[in-house]
Amino acid sequence: MFLPERCQILMSRFSVDMRKSINGLSMLIADTFGKNPLSEYLFVFRNHRGDKIKILYWDRNGFCLWYKRLEKGRFYFPSIQAGVFEMSAAQLRWLLDGLDFSKLTGHPTLHYEHLF
């Protein structure tokens, strides 16, 4: 999956009807996430069984809707207490690869002021 270079990713705790398309998901974004669907976020939705994911985002001049359906198995979703979960691009890749990212941690990001 192509990820925009600088993006924030929000995942809904609640399952959604996968028959919803761009307009229906946009309304959920405003209601559930309290965000503008035209913002620089990727919005991640799942179905009740946990075998389908839709990702909606705005790309300069139009919406992009990405959909993945597993033929066998389920995605490992983290337990989310709030209505919305913010995740990193690495966590999204792990989720799509079938990994339980709540048990994984990547290398920490290093920030330096000077090289030498």
PDB file of N, CA and C in Angstrom:
ATOM      1  N   MET A   1       0.836  -1.183   0.000  1.00  0.00           N
ATOM      2  CA  MET A   1       0.000   0.000   0.000  1.00  0.00           C
ATOM      3  C   MET A   1       0.873   1.235   0.000  1.00  0.00           C
ATOM      4  N   PHE A   2       0.495   2.203  -0.770  1.00  0.00           N
ATOM      5  CA  PHE A   2       1.189   3.477  -0.820  1.00  0.00           C
ATOM      6  C   PHE A   2       0.745   4.335   0.353  1.00  0.00           C
ATOM      7  N   LEU A   3       1.699   4.822   1.138  1.00  0.00           N
ATOM      8  CA  LEU A   3       1.397   5.726   2.243  1.00  0.00           C
ATOM      9  C   LEU A   3       1.950   7.103   1.922  1.00  0.00           C
ATOM     10  N   PRO A   4       1.120   8.135   2.024  1.00  0.00           N
ATOM     11  CA  PRO A   4       1.660   9.480   1.845  1.00  0.00           C
ATOM     12  C   PRO A   4       2.802   9.724   2.827  1.00  0.00           C
ATOM     13  N   GLU A   5       3.762  10.551   2.408  1.00  0.00           N
ATOM     14  CA  GLU A   5       4.976  10.717   3.197  1.00  0.00           C
ATOM     15  C   GLU A   5       4.714  11.229   4.607  1.00  0.00           C
ATOM     16  N   ARG A   6       3.972  12.269   4.748  1.00  0.00           N
ATOM     17  CA  ARG A   6       3.682  12.824   6.074  1.00  0.00           C
ATOM     18  C   ARG A   6       2.180  12.711   6.318  1.00  0.00           C
ATOM     19  N   CYS A   7       1.819  11.680   7.014  1.00  0.00           N
ATOM     20  CA  CYS A   7       0.405  11.495   7.291  1.00  0.00           C
ATOM     21  C   CYS A   7       0.208  10.999   8.706  1.00  0.00           C
ATOM     22  N   GLN A   8      -0.945  11.285   9.229  1.00  0.00           N
ATOM     23  CA  GLN A   8      -1.349  10.744  10.508  1.00  0.00           C
ATOM     24  C   GLN A   8      -2.442   9.725  10.223  1.00  0.00           C
ATOM     25  N   ILE A   9      -2.471   8.680  11.019  1.00  0.00           N
ATOM     26  CA  ILE A   9      -3.387   7.576  10.761  1.00  0.00           C
ATOM     27  C   ILE A   9      -4.282   7.397  11.976  1.00  0.00           C
ATOM     28  N   LEU A  10      -5.589   7.410  11.737  1.00  0.00           N
ATOM     29  CA  LEU A  10      -6.562   7.204  12.798  1.00  0.00           C
ATOM     30  C   LEU A  10      -7.404   5.980  12.478  1.00  0.00           C
ATOM     31  N   MET A  11      -7.574   5.112  13.475  1.00  0.00           N
ATOM     32  CA  MET A  11      -8.386   3.918  13.296  1.00  0.00           C
ATOM     33  C   MET A  11      -9.579   3.980  14.236  1.00  0.00           C
ATOM     34  N   SER A  12     -10.739   3.629  13.720  1.00  0.00           N
ATOM     35  CA  SER A  12     -11.947   3.595  14.525  1.00  0.00           C
ATOM     36  C   SER A  12     -11.984   2.333  15.372  1.00  0.00           C
ATOM     37  N   ARG A  13     -12.410   2.472  16.590  1.00  0.00           N
ATOM     38  CA  ARG A  13     -12.579   1.324  17.488  1.00  0.00           C
ATOM     39  C   ARG A  13     -13.779   0.485  17.063  1.00  0.00           C
ATOM     40  N   PHE A  14     -14.746   1.137  16.486  1.00  0.00           N
ATOM     41  CA  PHE A  14     -16.005   0.490  16.151  1.00  0.00           C
ATOM     42  C   PHE A  14     -15.978  -0.103  14.747  1.00  0.00           C
ATOM     43  N   SER A  15     -16.662  -1.211  14.579  1.00  0.00           N
ATOM     44  CA  SER A  15     -16.765  -1.801  13.248  1.00  0.00           C
ATOM     45  C   SER A  15     -17.795  -1.014  12.438  1.00  0.00           C
ATOM     46  N   VAL A  16     -17.614  -1.025  11.124  1.00  0.00           N
ATOM     47  CA  VAL A  16     -18.527  -0.307  10.235  1.00  0.00           C
ATOM     48  C   VAL A  16     -19.046  -1.257   9.166  1.00  0.00           C
ATOM     49  N   ASP A  17     -20.125  -0.862   8.556  1.00  0.00           N
ATOM     50  CA  ASP A  17     -20.719  -1.600   7.451  1.00  0.00           C
ATOM     51  C   ASP A  17     -19.822  -1.398   6.227  1.00  0.00           C
ATOM     52  N   MET A  18     -19.254  -2.461   5.714  1.00  0.00           N
ATOM     53  CA  MET A  18     -18.308  -2.361   4.595  1.00  0.00           C
ATOM     54  C   MET A  18     -18.983  -2.021   3.274  1.00  0.00           C
ATOM     55  N   ARG A  19     -20.305  -1.905   3.268  1.00  0.00           N
ATOM     56  CA  ARG A  19     -20.990  -1.444   2.058  1.00  0.00           C
ATOM     57  C   ARG A  19     -20.862   0.065   1.892  1.00  0.00           C
ATOM     58  N   LYS A  20     -20.445   0.736   2.965  1.00  0.00           N
ATOM     59  CA  LYS A  20     -20.265   2.190   2.886  1.00  0.00           C
ATOM     60  C   LYS A  20     -19.094   2.505   1.962  1.00  0.00           C
ATOM     61  N   SER A  21     -19.290   3.555   1.195  1.00  0.00           N
ATOM     62  CA  SER A  21     -18.230   3.994   0.298  1.00  0.00           C
ATOM     63  C   SER A  21     -17.738   5.363   0.750  1.00  0.00           C
ATOM     64  N   ILE A  22     -17.241   6.148  -0.143  1.00  0.00           N
ATOM     65  CA  ILE A  22     -16.596   7.416   0.208  1.00  0.00           C
ATOM     66  C   ILE A  22     -17.541   8.350   0.948  1.00  0.00           C
ATOM     67  N   ASN A  23     -18.745   8.558   0.455  1.00  0.00           N
ATOM     68  CA  ASN A  23     -19.661   9.496   1.100  1.00  0.00           C
ATOM     69  C   ASN A  23     -20.059   9.024   2.496  1.00  0.00           C
ATOM     70  N   GLY A  24     -20.409   7.755   2.643  1.00  0.00           N
ATOM     71  CA  GLY A  24     -20.804   7.227   3.944  1.00  0.00           C
ATOM     72  C   GLY A  24     -19.668   7.247   4.947  1.00  0.00           C
ATOM     73  N   LEU A  25     -18.465   6.885   4.495  1.00  0.00           N
ATOM     74  CA  LEU A  25     -17.308   6.909   5.386  1.00  0.00           C
ATOM     75  C   LEU A  25     -16.924   8.339   5.754  1.00  0.00           C
ATOM     76  N   SER A  26     -17.091   9.270   4.840  1.00  0.00           N
ATOM     77  CA  SER A  26     -16.796  10.683   5.135  1.00  0.00           C
ATOM     78  C   SER A  26     -17.697  11.203   6.245  1.00  0.00           C
ATOM     79  N   MET A  27     -18.951  10.807   6.214  1.00  0.00           N
ATOM     80  CA  MET A  27     -19.869  11.226   7.277  1.00  0.00           C
ATOM     81  C   MET A  27     -19.466  10.598   8.609  1.00  0.00           C
ATOM     82  N   LEU A  28     -19.018   9.339   8.591  1.00  0.00           N
ATOM     83  CA  LEU A  28     -18.534   8.701   9.816  1.00  0.00           C
ATOM     84  C   LEU A  28     -17.289   9.396  10.363  1.00  0.00           C
ATOM     85  N   ILE A  29     -16.433   9.852   9.473  1.00  0.00           N
ATOM     86  CA  ILE A  29     -15.222  10.557   9.899  1.00  0.00           C
ATOM     87  C   ILE A  29     -15.592  11.816  10.668  1.00  0.00           C
ATOM     88  N   ALA A  30     -16.542  12.567  10.144  1.00  0.00           N
ATOM     89  CA  ALA A  30     -16.966  13.792  10.825  1.00  0.00           C
ATOM     90  C   ALA A  30     -17.629  13.467  12.164  1.00  0.00           C
ATOM     91  N   ASP A  31     -18.445  12.407  12.203  1.00  0.00           N
ATOM     92  CA  ASP A  31     -19.170  12.059  13.426  1.00  0.00           C
ATOM     93  C   ASP A  31     -18.294  11.331  14.436  1.00  0.00           C
ATOM     94  N   THR A  32     -17.616  10.265  14.020  1.00  0.00           N
ATOM     95  CA  THR A  32     -16.851   9.406  14.927  1.00  0.00           C
ATOM     96  C   THR A  32     -15.511  10.016  15.308  1.00  0.00           C
ATOM     97  N   PHE A  33     -14.778  10.496  14.319  1.00  0.00           N
ATOM     98  CA  PHE A  33     -13.443  11.014  14.563  1.00  0.00           C
ATOM     99  C   PHE A  33     -13.455  12.495  14.936  1.00  0.00           C
ATOM    100  N   GLY A  34     -14.510  13.191  14.554  1.00  0.00           N
ATOM    101  CA  GLY A  34     -14.546  14.633  14.772  1.00  0.00           C
ATOM    102  C   GLY A  34     -13.533  15.371  13.923  1.00  0.00           C
ATOM    103  N   LYS A  35     -13.219  14.809  12.764  1.00  0.00           N
ATOM    104  CA  LYS A  35     -12.200  15.380  11.873  1.00  0.00           C
ATOM    105  C   LYS A  35     -12.814  15.719  10.523  1.00  0.00           C
ATOM    106  N   ASN A  36     -12.109  16.527   9.786  1.00  0.00           N
ATOM    107  CA  ASN A  36     -12.493  16.863   8.426  1.00  0.00           C
ATOM    108  C   ASN A  36     -11.972  15.765   7.498  1.00  0.00           C
ATOM    109  N   PRO A  37     -12.833  15.130   6.698  1.00  0.00           N
ATOM    110  CA  PRO A  37     -12.358  14.083   5.783  1.00  0.00           C
ATOM    111  C   PRO A  37     -11.327  14.576   4.766  1.00  0.00           C
ATOM    112  N   LEU A  38     -11.252  15.886   4.569  1.00  0.00           N
ATOM    113  CA  LEU A  38     -10.295  16.460   3.623  1.00  0.00           C
ATOM    114  C   LEU A  38      -8.942  16.747   4.266  1.00  0.00           C
ATOM    115  N   SER A  39      -8.795  16.414   5.533  1.00  0.00           N
ATOM    116  CA  SER A  39      -7.536  16.669   6.243  1.00  0.00           C
ATOM    117  C   SER A  39      -6.474  15.660   5.820  1.00  0.00           C
ATOM    118  N   GLU A  40      -5.274  15.826   6.350  1.00  0.00           N
ATOM    119  CA  GLU A  40      -4.151  14.972   5.952  1.00  0.00           C
ATOM    120  C   GLU A  40      -4.060  13.717   6.801  1.00  0.00           C
ATOM    121  N   TYR A  41      -5.174  13.100   7.084  1.00  0.00           N
ATOM    122  CA  TYR A  41      -5.228  11.858   7.845  1.00  0.00           C
ATOM    123  C   TYR A  41      -5.579  10.694   6.931  1.00  0.00           C
ATOM    124  N   LEU A  42      -5.145   9.515   7.315  1.00  0.00           N
ATOM    125  CA  LEU A  42      -5.670   8.275   6.758  1.00  0.00           C
ATOM    126  C   LEU A  42      -6.633   7.736   7.803  1.00  0.00           C
ATOM    127  N   PHE A  43      -7.844   7.420   7.397  1.00  0.00           N
ATOM    128  CA  PHE A  43      -8.869   6.940   8.304  1.00  0.00           C
ATOM    129  C   PHE A  43      -9.084   5.453   8.047  1.00  0.00           C
ATOM    130  N   VAL A  44      -8.886   4.643   9.075  1.00  0.00           N
ATOM    131  CA  VAL A  44      -8.930   3.185   8.952  1.00  0.00           C
ATOM    132  C   VAL A  44     -10.223   2.669   9.583  1.00  0.00           C
ATOM    133  N   PHE A  45     -10.927   1.819   8.820  1.00  0.00           N
ATOM    134  CA  PHE A  45     -12.178   1.220   9.281  1.00  0.00           C
ATOM    135  C   PHE A  45     -12.090  -0.293   9.146  1.00  0.00           C
ATOM    136  N   ARG A  46     -12.794  -0.998  10.019  1.00  0.00           N
ATOM    137  CA  ARG A  46     -12.824  -2.462   9.985  1.00  0.00           C
ATOM    138  C   ARG A  46     -14.257  -2.952  10.022  1.00  0.00           C
ATOM    139  N   ASN A  47     -14.448  -4.188   9.604  1.00  0.00           N
ATOM    140  CA  ASN A  47     -15.779  -4.777   9.692  1.00  0.00           C
ATOM    141  C   ASN A  47     -15.901  -5.563  11.006  1.00  0.00           C
ATOM    142  N   HIS A  48     -17.093  -6.075  11.271  1.00  0.00           N
ATOM    143  CA  HIS A  48     -17.361  -6.769  12.533  1.00  0.00           C
ATOM    144  C   HIS A  48     -16.542  -8.048  12.679  1.00  0.00           C
ATOM    145  N   ARG A  49     -16.387  -8.811  11.606  1.00  0.00           N
ATOM    146  CA  ARG A  49     -15.648 -10.080  11.672  1.00  0.00           C
ATOM    147  C   ARG A  49     -14.139  -9.887  11.747  1.00  0.00           C
ATOM    148  N   GLY A  50     -13.662  -8.708  11.361  1.00  0.00           N
ATOM    149  CA  GLY A  50     -12.228  -8.434  11.442  1.00  0.00           C
ATOM    150  C   GLY A  50     -11.430  -8.963  10.274  1.00  0.00           C
ATOM    151  N   ASP A  51     -12.090  -9.271   9.158  1.00  0.00           N
ATOM    152  CA  ASP A  51     -11.362  -9.771   7.995  1.00  0.00           C
ATOM    153  C   ASP A  51     -11.335  -8.771   6.836  1.00  0.00           C
ATOM    154  N   LYS A  52     -11.867  -7.567   7.070  1.00  0.00           N
ATOM    155  CA  LYS A  52     -11.881  -6.532   6.031  1.00  0.00           C
ATOM    156  C   LYS A  52     -11.467  -5.198   6.631  1.00  0.00           C
ATOM    157  N   ILE A  53     -10.734  -4.445   5.832  1.00  0.00           N
ATOM    158  CA  ILE A  53     -10.291  -3.102   6.220  1.00  0.00           C
ATOM    159  C   ILE A  53     -10.506  -2.164   5.043  1.00  0.00           C
ATOM    160  N   LYS A  54     -10.990  -0.953   5.351  1.00  0.00           N
ATOM    161  CA  LYS A  54     -11.057   0.128   4.366  1.00  0.00           C
ATOM    162  C   LYS A  54     -10.284   1.307   4.920  1.00  0.00           C
ATOM    163  N   ILE A  55      -9.551   1.963   4.037  1.00  0.00           N
ATOM    164  CA  ILE A  55      -8.786   3.151   4.410  1.00  0.00           C
ATOM    165  C   ILE A  55      -9.186   4.270   3.445  1.00  0.00           C
ATOM    166  N   LEU A  56      -9.610   5.373   4.008  1.00  0.00           N
ATOM    167  CA  LEU A  56     -10.031   6.517   3.202  1.00  0.00           C
ATOM    168  C   LEU A  56      -9.107   7.694   3.495  1.00  0.00           C
ATOM    169  N   TYR A  57      -8.664   8.366   2.444  1.00  0.00           N
ATOM    170  CA  TYR A  57      -7.866   9.574   2.615  1.00  0.00           C
ATOM    171  C   TYR A  57      -8.026  10.488   1.411  1.00  0.00           C
ATOM    172  N   TRP A  58      -7.749  11.761   1.645  1.00  0.00           N
ATOM    173  CA  TRP A  58      -7.801  12.779   0.611  1.00  0.00           C
ATOM    174  C   TRP A  58      -6.415  12.930   0.015  1.00  0.00           C
ATOM    175  N   ASP A  59      -6.326  12.899  -1.310  1.00  0.00           N
ATOM    176  CA  ASP A  59      -5.036  13.020  -1.993  1.00  0.00           C
ATOM    177  C   ASP A  59      -5.086  14.181  -2.977  1.00  0.00           C
ATOM    178  N   ARG A  60      -4.724  15.344  -2.543  1.00  0.00           N
ATOM    179  CA  ARG A  60      -4.633  16.591  -3.313  1.00  0.00           C
ATOM    180  C   ARG A  60      -5.924  17.013  -4.005  1.00  0.00           C
ATOM    181  N   ASN A  61      -6.497  16.167  -4.851  1.00  0.00           N
ATOM    182  CA  ASN A  61      -7.664  16.594  -5.630  1.00  0.00           C
ATOM    183  C   ASN A  61      -8.764  15.541  -5.688  1.00  0.00           C
ATOM    184  N   GLY A  62      -8.724  14.590  -4.784  1.00  0.00           N
ATOM    185  CA  GLY A  62      -9.773  13.567  -4.760  1.00  0.00           C
ATOM    186  C   GLY A  62      -9.549  12.568  -3.638  1.00  0.00           C
ATOM    187  N   PHE A  63     -10.609  11.838  -3.336  1.00  0.00           N
ATOM    188  CA  PHE A  63     -10.521  10.816  -2.292  1.00  0.00           C
ATOM    189  C   PHE A  63      -9.917   9.532  -2.849  1.00  0.00           C
ATOM    190  N   CYS A  64      -9.185   8.839  -2.003  1.00  0.00           N
ATOM    191  CA  CYS A  64      -8.683   7.509  -2.303  1.00  0.00           C
ATOM    192  C   CYS A  64      -9.311   6.555  -1.294  1.00  0.00           C
ATOM    193  N   LEU A  65      -9.823   5.455  -1.785  1.00  0.00           N
ATOM    194  CA  LEU A  65     -10.421   4.443  -0.919  1.00  0.00           C
ATOM    195  C   LEU A  65      -9.688   3.138  -1.172  1.00  0.00           C
ATOM    196  N   TRP A  66      -9.059   2.621  -0.139  1.00  0.00           N
ATOM    197  CA  TRP A  66      -8.269   1.401  -0.216  1.00  0.00           C
ATOM    198  C   TRP A  66      -8.999   0.334   0.570  1.00  0.00           C
ATOM    199  N   TYR A  67      -9.069  -0.877   0.016  1.00  0.00           N
ATOM    200  CA  TYR A  67      -9.856  -1.952   0.618  1.00  0.00           C
ATOM    201  C   TYR A  67      -9.065  -3.252   0.587  1.00  0.00           C
ATOM    202  N   LYS A  68      -9.041  -3.962   1.710  1.00  0.00           N
ATOM    203  CA  LYS A  68      -8.389  -5.268   1.751  1.00  0.00           C
ATOM    204  C   LYS A  68      -9.325  -6.255   2.431  1.00  0.00           C
ATOM    205  N   ARG A  69      -9.508  -7.404   1.772  1.00  0.00           N
ATOM    206  CA  ARG A  69     -10.331  -8.486   2.311  1.00  0.00           C
ATOM    207  C   ARG A  69      -9.470  -9.731   2.406  1.00  0.00           C
ATOM    208  N   LEU A  70      -9.387 -10.290   3.604  1.00  0.00           N
ATOM    209  CA  LEU A  70      -8.635 -11.525   3.787  1.00  0.00           C
ATOM    210  C   LEU A  70      -9.499 -12.707   3.360  1.00  0.00           C
ATOM    211  N   GLU A  71      -8.933 -13.612   2.629  1.00  0.00           N
ATOM    212  CA  GLU A  71      -9.652 -14.809   2.218  1.00  0.00           C
ATOM    213  C   GLU A  71      -9.688 -15.845   3.338  1.00  0.00           C
ATOM    214  N   LYS A  72      -8.703 -15.775   4.233  1.00  0.00           N
ATOM    215  CA  LYS A  72      -8.647 -16.699   5.354  1.00  0.00           C
ATOM    216  C   LYS A  72      -8.003 -15.967   6.524  1.00  0.00           C
ATOM    217  N   GLY A  73      -8.551 -16.116   7.709  1.00  0.00           N
ATOM    218  CA  GLY A  73      -7.986 -15.476   8.891  1.00  0.00           C
ATOM    219  C   GLY A  73      -8.586 -14.114   9.160  1.00  0.00           C
ATOM    220  N   ARG A  74      -8.017 -13.453  10.168  1.00  0.00           N
ATOM    221  CA  ARG A  74      -8.488 -12.143  10.587  1.00  0.00           C
ATOM    222  C   ARG A  74      -7.288 -11.245  10.892  1.00  0.00           C
ATOM    223  N   PHE A  75      -7.552  -9.933  10.844  1.00  0.00           N
ATOM    224  CA  PHE A  75      -6.549  -8.966  11.254  1.00  0.00           C
ATOM    225  C   PHE A  75      -6.485  -8.949  12.775  1.00  0.00           C
ATOM    226  N   TYR A  76      -5.323  -8.601  13.317  1.00  0.00           N
ATOM    227  CA  TYR A  76      -5.149  -8.464  14.764  1.00  0.00           C
ATOM    228  C   TYR A  76      -5.301  -6.992  15.131  1.00  0.00           C
ATOM    229  N   PHE A  77      -6.453  -6.655  15.676  1.00  0.00           N
ATOM    230  CA  PHE A  77      -6.707  -5.272  16.061  1.00  0.00           C
ATOM    231  C   PHE A  77      -6.347  -5.062  17.523  1.00  0.00           C
ATOM    232  N   PRO A  78      -5.759  -3.915  17.835  1.00  0.00           N
ATOM    233  CA  PRO A  78      -5.442  -3.650  19.245  1.00  0.00           C
ATOM    234  C   PRO A  78      -6.718  -3.389  20.030  1.00  0.00           C
ATOM    235  N   SER A  79      -6.661  -3.608  21.325  1.00  0.00           N
ATOM    236  CA  SER A  79      -7.809  -3.257  22.154  1.00  0.00           C
ATOM    237  C   SER A  79      -7.768  -1.749  22.363  1.00  0.00           C
ATOM    238  N   ILE A  80      -8.823  -1.096  21.949  1.00  0.00           N
ATOM    239  CA  ILE A  80      -8.893   0.359  21.980  1.00  0.00           C
ATOM    240  C   ILE A  80      -9.991   0.760  22.967  1.00  0.00           C
ATOM    241  N   GLN A  81      -9.641   1.578  23.922  1.00  0.00           N
ATOM    242  CA  GLN A  81     -10.627   2.026  24.900  1.00  0.00           C
ATOM    243  C   GLN A  81     -11.386   3.250  24.394  1.00  0.00           C
ATOM    244  N   ALA A  82     -10.678   4.176  23.781  1.00  0.00           N
ATOM    245  CA  ALA A  82     -11.318   5.378  23.248  1.00  0.00           C
ATOM    246  C   ALA A  82     -11.971   5.041  21.917  1.00  0.00           C
ATOM    247  N   GLY A  83     -12.708   5.974  21.352  1.00  0.00           N
ATOM    248  CA  GLY A  83     -13.374   5.746  20.080  1.00  0.00           C
ATOM    249  C   GLY A  83     -12.433   5.728  18.898  1.00  0.00           C
ATOM    250  N   VAL A  84     -11.260   6.361  19.071  1.00  0.00           N
ATOM    251  CA  VAL A  84     -10.302   6.511  17.981  1.00  0.00           C
ATOM    252  C   VAL A  84      -8.909   6.159  18.491  1.00  0.00           C
ATOM    253  N   PHE A  85      -8.139   5.502  17.639  1.00  0.00           N
ATOM    254  CA  PHE A  85      -6.765   5.109  17.971  1.00  0.00           C
ATOM    255  C   PHE A  85      -5.835   5.705  16.930  1.00  0.00           C
ATOM    256  N   GLU A  86      -4.810   6.437  17.380  1.00  0.00           N
ATOM    257  CA  GLU A  86      -3.818   6.971  16.442  1.00  0.00           C
ATOM    258  C   GLU A  86      -2.673   5.982  16.329  1.00  0.00           C
ATOM    259  N   MET A  87      -2.309   5.648  15.109  1.00  0.00           N
ATOM    260  CA  MET A  87      -1.250   4.663  14.869  1.00  0.00           C
ATOM    261  C   MET A  87      -0.194   5.230  13.941  1.00  0.00           C
ATOM    262  N   SER A  88       0.964   4.608  13.962  1.00  0.00           N
ATOM    263  CA  SER A  88       2.054   5.010  13.081  1.00  0.00           C
ATOM    264  C   SER A  88       1.937   4.256  11.751  1.00  0.00           C
ATOM    265  N   ALA A  89       2.703   4.710  10.770  1.00  0.00           N
ATOM    266  CA  ALA A  89       2.721   4.031   9.476  1.00  0.00           C
ATOM    267  C   ALA A  89       3.244   2.606   9.627  1.00  0.00           C
ATOM    268  N   ALA A  90       4.236   2.412  10.510  1.00  0.00           N
ATOM    269  CA  ALA A  90       4.765   1.061  10.742  1.00  0.00           C
ATOM    270  C   ALA A  90       3.687   0.160  11.337  1.00  0.00           C
ATOM    271  N   GLN A  91       2.917   0.678  12.284  1.00  0.00           N
ATOM    272  CA  GLN A  91       1.843  -0.119  12.884  1.00  0.00           C
ATOM    273  C   GLN A  91       0.787  -0.486  11.855  1.00  0.00           C
ATOM    274  N   LEU A  92       0.477   0.436  10.948  1.00  0.00           N
ATOM    275  CA  LEU A  92      -0.490   0.123   9.899  1.00  0.00           C
ATOM    276  C   LEU A  92       0.042  -0.973   8.990  1.00  0.00           C
ATOM    277  N   ARG A  93       1.310  -0.898   8.621  1.00  0.00           N
ATOM    278  CA  ARG A  93       1.901  -1.951   7.789  1.00  0.00           C
ATOM    279  C   ARG A  93       1.873  -3.294   8.517  1.00  0.00           C
ATOM    280  N   TRP A  94       2.193  -3.287   9.814  1.00  0.00           N
ATOM    281  CA  TRP A  94       2.153  -4.524  10.599  1.00  0.00           C
ATOM    282  C   TRP A  94       0.740  -5.085  10.648  1.00  0.00           C
ATOM    283  N   LEU A  95      -0.238  -4.207  10.841  1.00  0.00           N
ATOM    284  CA  LEU A  95      -1.637  -4.636  10.870  1.00  0.00           C
ATOM    285  C   LEU A  95      -2.026  -5.292   9.555  1.00  0.00           C
ATOM    286  N   LEU A  96      -1.669  -4.666   8.448  1.00  0.00           N
ATOM    287  CA  LEU A  96      -2.017  -5.196   7.125  1.00  0.00           C
ATOM    288  C   LEU A  96      -1.256  -6.477   6.807  1.00  0.00           C
ATOM    289  N   ASP A  97      -0.089  -6.658   7.422  1.00  0.00           N
ATOM    290  CA  ASP A  97       0.690  -7.887   7.230  1.00  0.00           C
ATOM    291  C   ASP A  97       0.232  -9.025   8.128  1.00  0.00           C
ATOM    292  N   GLY A  98      -0.722  -8.734   9.011  1.00  0.00           N
ATOM    293  CA  GLY A  98      -1.254  -9.788   9.871  1.00  0.00           C
ATOM    294  C   GLY A  98      -0.540  -9.943  11.189  1.00  0.00           C
ATOM    295  N   LEU A  99       0.219  -8.925  11.597  1.00  0.00           N
ATOM    296  CA  LEU A  99       0.945  -8.994  12.859  1.00  0.00           C
ATOM    297  C   LEU A  99       0.156  -8.299  13.964  1.00  0.00           C
ATOM    298  N   ASP A 100       0.287  -8.794  15.163  1.00  0.00           N
ATOM    299  CA  ASP A 100      -0.333  -8.171  16.325  1.00  0.00           C
ATOM    300  C   ASP A 100       0.610  -7.085  16.816  1.00  0.00           C
ATOM    301  N   PHE A 101       0.411  -5.857  16.339  1.00  0.00           N
ATOM    302  CA  PHE A 101       1.375  -4.803  16.633  1.00  0.00           C
ATOM    303  C   PHE A 101       1.285  -4.306  18.066  1.00  0.00           C
ATOM    304  N   SER A 102       0.258  -4.719  18.807  1.00  0.00           N
ATOM    305  CA  SER A 102       0.218  -4.327  20.213  1.00  0.00           C
ATOM    306  C   SER A 102       1.318  -5.033  20.998  1.00  0.00           C
ATOM    307  N   LYS A 103       1.870  -6.107  20.418  1.00  0.00           N
ATOM    308  CA  LYS A 103       2.956  -6.844  21.057  1.00  0.00           C
ATOM    309  C   LYS A 103       4.315  -6.543  20.423  1.00  0.00           C
ATOM    310  N   LEU A 104       4.332  -5.685  19.410  1.00  0.00           N
ATOM    311  CA  LEU A 104       5.571  -5.366  18.702  1.00  0.00           C
ATOM    312  C   LEU A 104       5.980  -3.920  18.960  1.00  0.00           C
ATOM    313  N   THR A 105       7.255  -3.693  18.958  1.00  0.00           N
ATOM    314  CA  THR A 105       7.778  -2.332  18.977  1.00  0.00           C
ATOM    315  C   THR A 105       8.925  -2.264  17.989  1.00  0.00           C
ATOM    316  N   GLY A 106       8.982  -1.194  17.271  1.00  0.00           N
ATOM    317  CA  GLY A 106      10.066  -1.004  16.319  1.00  0.00           C
ATOM    318  C   GLY A 106      11.227  -0.280  16.983  1.00  0.00           C
ATOM    319  N   HIS A 107      12.251  -0.009  16.203  1.00  0.00           N
ATOM    320  CA  HIS A 107      13.375   0.761  16.716  1.00  0.00           C
ATOM    321  C   HIS A 107      12.891   2.170  17.045  1.00  0.00           C
ATOM    322  N   PRO A 108      13.406   2.759  18.109  1.00  0.00           N
ATOM    323  CA  PRO A 108      12.975   4.119  18.443  1.00  0.00           C
ATOM    324  C   PRO A 108      13.512   5.116  17.420  1.00  0.00           C
ATOM    325  N   THR A 109      12.776   6.200  17.239  1.00  0.00           N
ATOM    326  CA  THR A 109      13.225   7.277  16.361  1.00  0.00           C
ATOM    327  C   THR A 109      14.258   8.112  17.083  1.00  0.00           C
ATOM    328  N   LEU A 110      15.368   8.355  16.417  1.00  0.00           N
ATOM    329  CA  LEU A 110      16.448   9.148  17.022  1.00  0.00           C
ATOM    330  C   LEU A 110      16.398  10.563  16.474  1.00  0.00           C
ATOM    331  N   HIS A 111      16.625  11.520  17.343  1.00  0.00           N
ATOM    332  CA  HIS A 111      16.646  12.930  16.940  1.00  0.00           C
ATOM    333  C   HIS A 111      17.965  13.535  17.400  1.00  0.00           C
ATOM    334  N   TYR A 112      18.750  14.024  16.472  1.00  0.00           N
ATOM    335  CA  TYR A 112      20.032  14.642  16.778  1.00  0.00           C
ATOM    336  C   TYR A 112      20.004  16.095  16.353  1.00  0.00           C
ATOM    337  N   GLU A 113      20.704  16.927  17.094  1.00  0.00           N
ATOM    338  CA  GLU A 113      20.846  18.318  16.696  1.00  0.00           C
ATOM    339  C   GLU A 113      22.084  18.515  15.838  1.00  0.00           C
ATOM    340  N   HIS A 114      23.136  17.711  16.104  1.00  0.00           N
ATOM    341  CA  HIS A 114      24.386  17.827  15.349  1.00  0.00           C
ATOM    342  C   HIS A 114      24.859  16.430  14.965  1.00  0.00           C
ATOM    343  N   LEU A 115      25.477  16.335  13.808  1.00  0.00           N
ATOM    344  CA  LEU A 115      26.044  15.070  13.392  1.00  0.00           C
ATOM    345  C   LEU A 115      27.394  14.819  14.050  1.00  0.00           C
ATOM    346  N   PHE A 116      28.205  15.858  14.140  1.00  0.00           N
ATOM    347  CA  PHE A 116      29.552  15.718  14.715  1.00  0.00           C
ATOM    348  C   PHE A 116      29.772  16.737  15.793  1.00  0.00           C
TER     349      PHE A 116
END
